[in-house]
Amino acid sequence: MSKLRLGINIDHVATVRNARGEGYPDPMRAADMALAAGADGITAHLREDRRHISDADMDALAAITRRRGQPLNFEMAVTPEMEAIALAHLPHAVCLVPERREEVTTEGGLDVVRGHNAIAPVVRRLAEAGIRVSCFIDPDLAQVAAAKSVGAQVVELHTGAWCEAVRHRSPDAPRLLERLKAAAREGVALGLEVHAGHGIDYETVKPIAAIPELMELNIGHFLIGEAIFIGLGPAIHRMRALMDEARSVRAA
């Protein structure tokens, strides 16, 4: 079984910085530290309201990841403004996500089925510029098929519902995990690369990491929070170890 990549989302380093309107803590320093600690890439979400990551951050992140030879994954809403920013920066990858100004964080997957006609031309233009395009979707077979039909190369499965069910000891947790597994299998069957993310922590990572079709996990809020107590490098090292352990057990 191939090694599972780990992408680190640094948005909430910028959230803390912006709380005081200062320049500290610096998301660029966090990105450097994450890559030094073994992260396989950096993820950042530039929101319409710029609540955390800023345009200047995107400039700096593009420079850092190019210098280190590591991928930058730019999470963005399907809007002309964000498309123009992506085409100007040419990140390694773009992940198309839903966005509502009033939400605290991304609350669900992109509805690619309903948004097909608006999403497909954006995917085409980004792909023509050499950007790998992903759709962040709920683990629903119709959404997986729609992501394929709009031309995405990757789907990222929203793991939030399952993670919440695990944390609240909900009897729905086994069903939701099976839904993730089925969506991952469908993605691979359709020729898509499959990633996963949202709400993953030390308790929930191993069952997700054990899904053999997954190639990458993107984790942010939990690791930035854990870094307050043990440091960013050790937090990433522990997550990496749990991921690798899940893969080795599955391979055995």
Protein backbone atom coordinates (compact mmCIF):
# COMPACT_ATOMS: atom_id res chain seq x y z
CA MET A 1 0.00 0.00 0.00
CA SER A 2 1.40 3.42 -0.95
CA LYS A 3 2.40 5.97 1.67
CA LEU A 4 -0.43 8.30 2.63
CA ARG A 5 0.48 11.95 2.11
CA LEU A 6 -0.25 14.58 4.75
CA GLY A 7 -1.17 18.13 3.79
CA ILE A 8 -1.22 20.77 6.54
CA ASN A 9 -3.80 23.56 6.45
CA ILE A 10 -2.33 26.68 8.06
CA ASP A 11 -5.45 28.90 7.91
CA HIS A 12 -5.87 29.15 11.66
CA VAL A 13 -2.38 30.41 12.28
CA ALA A 14 -3.62 33.41 10.29
CA THR A 15 -6.82 33.45 12.38
CA VAL A 16 -4.77 33.97 15.55
CA ARG A 17 -2.62 36.59 13.84
CA ASN A 18 -5.64 38.52 12.62
CA ALA A 19 -7.26 38.56 16.07
CA ARG A 20 -4.84 41.31 17.05
CA GLY A 21 -4.20 42.82 13.62
CA GLU A 22 -0.49 42.15 14.04
CA GLY A 23 2.04 40.19 12.03
CA TYR A 24 2.41 37.37 14.54
CA PRO A 25 2.07 34.41 14.50
CA ASP A 26 3.34 34.24 10.93
CA PRO A 27 1.62 31.64 8.70
CA MET A 28 4.76 31.49 6.56
CA ARG A 29 6.79 30.36 9.54
CA ALA A 30 4.15 27.71 10.24
CA ALA A 31 4.33 26.52 6.63
CA ASP A 32 8.12 26.26 6.82
CA MET A 33 7.94 24.37 10.11
CA ALA A 34 5.25 22.01 8.82
CA LEU A 35 7.29 21.11 5.75
CA ALA A 36 10.42 20.65 7.87
CA ALA A 37 8.43 18.33 10.15
CA GLY A 38 7.52 16.05 7.25
CA ALA A 39 4.30 17.51 5.81
CA ASP A 40 3.87 16.64 2.14
CA GLY A 41 2.29 19.96 1.23
CA ILE A 42 0.57 23.10 2.47
CA THR A 43 -3.12 23.94 2.14
CA ALA A 44 -4.59 27.44 2.47
CA HIS A 45 -8.13 28.73 1.93
CA LEU A 46 -8.42 32.30 0.70
CA ARG A 47 -11.96 33.28 1.63
CA GLU A 48 -14.02 36.04 0.09
CA ASP A 49 -14.00 37.96 3.40
CA ARG A 50 -10.26 37.32 4.01
CA ARG A 51 -11.03 36.22 7.57
CA HIS A 52 -7.70 34.40 7.88
CA ILE A 53 -5.44 33.90 4.85
CA SER A 54 -4.75 37.12 2.93
CA ASP A 55 -3.71 37.85 -0.65
CA ALA A 56 -0.19 38.65 0.59
CA ASP A 57 -0.11 35.27 2.33
CA MET A 58 -0.87 33.56 -0.96
CA ASP A 59 2.06 35.36 -2.62
CA ALA A 60 4.40 34.27 0.15
CA LEU A 61 3.09 30.69 0.33
CA ALA A 62 3.53 30.25 -3.42
CA ALA A 63 7.14 31.39 -3.09
CA ILE A 64 7.89 29.16 -0.07
CA THR A 65 6.42 26.00 -1.55
CA ARG A 66 8.16 26.54 -4.89
CA ARG A 67 11.48 27.10 -3.13
CA ARG A 68 11.05 23.88 -1.15
CA GLY A 69 9.72 21.93 -4.12
CA GLN A 70 6.51 21.08 -2.24
CA PRO A 71 2.92 21.47 -3.44
CA LEU A 72 0.61 24.33 -2.49
CA ASN A 73 -3.06 23.38 -2.40
CA PHE A 74 -5.23 26.48 -2.82
CA GLU A 75 -8.77 26.03 -1.46
CA MET A 76 -11.18 28.40 -3.17
CA ALA A 77 -14.82 29.09 -3.88
CA VAL A 78 -16.03 28.85 -7.46
CA THR A 79 -16.00 32.58 -8.19
CA PRO A 80 -14.36 34.73 -10.89
CA GLU A 81 -12.26 36.52 -8.27
CA MET A 82 -10.78 33.30 -6.87
CA GLU A 83 -10.27 31.83 -10.32
CA ALA A 84 -8.26 34.90 -11.32
CA ILE A 85 -6.11 34.61 -8.16
CA ALA A 86 -5.45 30.93 -8.83
CA LEU A 87 -4.46 31.63 -12.43
CA ALA A 88 -2.14 34.42 -11.27
CA HIS A 89 -0.36 32.23 -8.68
CA LEU A 90 -0.50 28.87 -10.48
CA PRO A 91 -0.45 26.65 -7.35
CA HIS A 92 0.21 22.96 -7.78
CA ALA A 93 -3.42 22.20 -6.93
CA VAL A 94 -6.75 23.90 -6.41
CA CYS A 95 -9.53 22.42 -4.31
CA LEU A 96 -12.96 23.83 -5.10
CA VAL A 97 -15.02 24.24 -1.94
CA PRO A 98 -18.43 25.68 -1.02
CA GLU A 99 -18.35 28.95 0.83
CA ARG A 100 -20.93 30.93 2.78
CA ARG A 101 -19.94 34.16 4.52
CA GLU A 102 -21.89 33.32 7.68
CA GLU A 103 -20.37 29.86 8.25
CA VAL A 104 -17.67 29.34 10.87
CA THR A 105 -15.94 26.71 8.75
CA THR A 106 -16.80 24.72 5.64
CA GLU A 107 -20.03 22.99 6.60
CA GLY A 108 -20.39 20.46 3.81
CA GLY A 109 -19.19 19.41 0.43
CA LEU A 110 -19.50 21.27 -2.84
CA ASP A 111 -22.73 20.35 -4.66
CA VAL A 112 -21.17 19.42 -7.98
CA VAL A 113 -24.37 17.77 -9.21
CA ARG A 114 -26.39 20.99 -9.05
CA GLY A 115 -23.47 23.25 -9.90
CA HIS A 116 -22.19 21.25 -12.86
CA ASN A 117 -22.65 23.93 -15.51
CA ALA A 118 -20.93 26.63 -13.45
CA ILE A 119 -18.12 24.39 -12.17
CA ALA A 120 -17.11 22.62 -15.39
CA PRO A 121 -15.72 25.69 -17.25
CA VAL A 122 -13.75 26.77 -14.16
CA VAL A 123 -12.22 23.31 -13.88
CA ARG A 124 -11.35 23.40 -17.57
CA ARG A 125 -9.60 26.78 -17.40
CA LEU A 126 -7.63 25.84 -14.28
CA ALA A 127 -6.60 22.51 -15.78
CA GLU A 128 -5.52 24.20 -19.02
CA ALA A 129 -3.21 26.37 -16.90
CA GLY A 130 -1.56 23.22 -15.53
CA ILE A 131 -3.29 23.22 -12.14
CA ARG A 132 -4.54 19.93 -10.71
CA VAL A 133 -8.18 20.42 -9.74
CA SER A 134 -9.99 18.76 -6.85
CA CYS A 135 -13.60 18.99 -5.70
CA PHE A 136 -14.30 18.88 -1.97
CA ILE A 137 -17.45 16.78 -1.76
CA ASP A 138 -19.60 14.84 0.65
CA PRO A 139 -19.01 11.07 0.37
CA ASP A 140 -21.92 10.59 -2.00
CA LEU A 141 -21.65 8.45 -5.13
CA ALA A 142 -23.58 10.95 -7.26
CA GLN A 143 -21.19 13.73 -6.21
CA VAL A 144 -18.18 11.55 -7.03
CA ALA A 145 -19.57 10.90 -10.51
CA ALA A 146 -20.34 14.60 -11.00
CA ALA A 147 -16.78 15.55 -10.02
CA LYS A 148 -15.51 13.20 -12.71
CA SER A 149 -17.93 14.65 -15.25
CA VAL A 150 -16.77 18.25 -14.68
CA GLY A 151 -13.19 17.21 -15.37
CA ALA A 152 -11.71 17.15 -11.85
CA GLN A 153 -8.68 14.94 -11.40
CA VAL A 154 -9.15 14.56 -7.65
CA VAL A 155 -11.95 14.39 -5.10
CA GLU A 156 -11.48 15.22 -1.45
CA LEU A 157 -14.06 13.51 0.74
CA HIS A 158 -15.56 15.54 3.59
CA THR A 159 -14.91 13.51 6.74
CA GLY A 160 -16.59 15.94 9.14
CA ALA A 161 -19.85 14.06 9.67
CA TRP A 162 -18.06 10.84 10.54
CA CYS A 163 -15.57 12.59 12.85
CA GLU A 164 -18.42 14.31 14.70
CA ALA A 165 -20.28 11.01 15.04
CA VAL A 166 -17.18 9.39 16.55
CA ARG A 167 -16.64 12.24 19.02
CA HIS A 168 -20.27 12.11 20.15
CA ARG A 169 -20.31 8.28 20.24
CA SER A 170 -23.18 8.27 17.75
CA PRO A 171 -24.55 4.92 16.53
CA ASP A 172 -24.36 6.42 13.02
CA ALA A 173 -20.56 6.30 13.02
CA PRO A 174 -20.17 2.84 11.41
CA ARG A 175 -22.61 3.71 8.63
CA LEU A 176 -20.85 7.00 7.92
CA LEU A 177 -17.47 5.29 7.76
CA GLU A 178 -18.84 2.77 5.26
CA ARG A 179 -20.14 5.69 3.20
CA LEU A 180 -16.63 7.15 3.08
CA LYS A 181 -15.18 3.81 2.05
CA ALA A 182 -17.76 3.36 -0.72
CA ALA A 183 -17.11 6.86 -2.08
CA ALA A 184 -13.37 6.23 -2.07
CA ARG A 185 -13.82 2.99 -4.00
CA GLU A 186 -16.08 4.73 -6.51
CA GLY A 187 -13.59 7.53 -7.01
CA VAL A 188 -10.78 5.13 -7.83
CA ALA A 189 -13.07 3.11 -10.12
CA LEU A 190 -13.76 6.32 -12.08
CA GLY A 191 -10.06 7.11 -12.38
CA LEU A 192 -9.95 9.85 -9.75
CA GLU A 193 -7.32 10.36 -7.07
CA VAL A 194 -9.05 10.37 -3.70
CA HIS A 195 -8.16 12.55 -0.70
CA ALA A 196 -9.99 13.19 2.57
CA GLY A 197 -10.18 15.88 5.20
CA HIS A 198 -12.13 17.94 7.75
CA GLY A 199 -12.37 17.38 11.49
CA ILE A 200 -9.68 14.70 11.65
CA ASP A 201 -7.83 14.36 14.97
CA TYR A 202 -5.73 11.73 16.73
CA GLU A 203 -8.82 9.72 17.66
CA THR A 204 -10.30 9.60 14.17
CA VAL A 205 -7.27 9.49 11.88
CA LYS A 206 -6.48 5.77 11.91
CA PRO A 207 -9.79 4.42 10.51
CA ILE A 208 -9.59 7.06 7.77
CA ALA A 209 -5.92 6.40 7.02
CA ALA A 210 -6.67 2.68 6.73
CA ILE A 211 -8.94 3.24 3.71
CA PRO A 212 -6.62 1.91 0.99
CA GLU A 213 -7.91 4.08 -1.83
CA LEU A 214 -6.96 7.33 -0.10
CA MET A 215 -3.79 9.05 -1.25
CA GLU A 216 -3.77 12.17 0.95
CA LEU A 217 -5.24 13.62 4.14
CA ASN A 218 -5.54 17.37 4.67
CA ILE A 219 -5.60 18.36 8.34
CA GLY A 220 -5.47 21.83 9.83
CA HIS A 221 -7.48 23.10 12.79
CA PHE A 222 -6.74 20.20 15.13
CA LEU A 223 -2.98 20.27 14.50
CA ILE A 224 -2.74 24.05 14.88
CA GLY A 225 -4.62 23.74 18.18
CA GLU A 226 -2.47 20.86 19.37
CA ALA A 227 0.64 22.86 18.52
CA ILE A 228 -0.25 25.29 21.32
CA PHE A 229 0.44 22.51 23.82
CA ILE A 230 3.20 20.41 22.25
CA GLY A 231 4.56 22.40 19.31
CA LEU A 232 3.77 22.12 15.61
CA GLY A 233 6.57 19.71 14.75
CA PRO A 234 5.69 17.16 17.46
CA ALA A 235 1.97 17.45 16.63
CA ILE A 236 2.67 16.65 12.98
CA HIS A 237 5.08 13.84 13.90
CA ARG A 238 2.42 12.15 16.02
CA MET A 239 -0.23 12.46 13.28
CA ARG A 240 2.22 11.10 10.73
CA ALA A 241 3.02 8.15 13.01
CA LEU A 242 -0.67 7.30 13.48
CA MET A 243 -1.24 7.46 9.72
CA ASP A 244 1.73 5.21 9.02
CA GLU A 245 0.66 2.76 11.72
CA ALA A 246 -2.83 2.51 10.21
CA ARG A 247 -1.31 1.83 6.80
CA SER A 248 1.12 -0.79 8.09
CA VAL A 249 -1.62 -2.64 9.97
CA ARG A 250 -3.79 -2.61 6.85
CA ALA A 251 -0.92 -3.87 4.69
CA ALA A 252 -0.20 -6.71 7.15
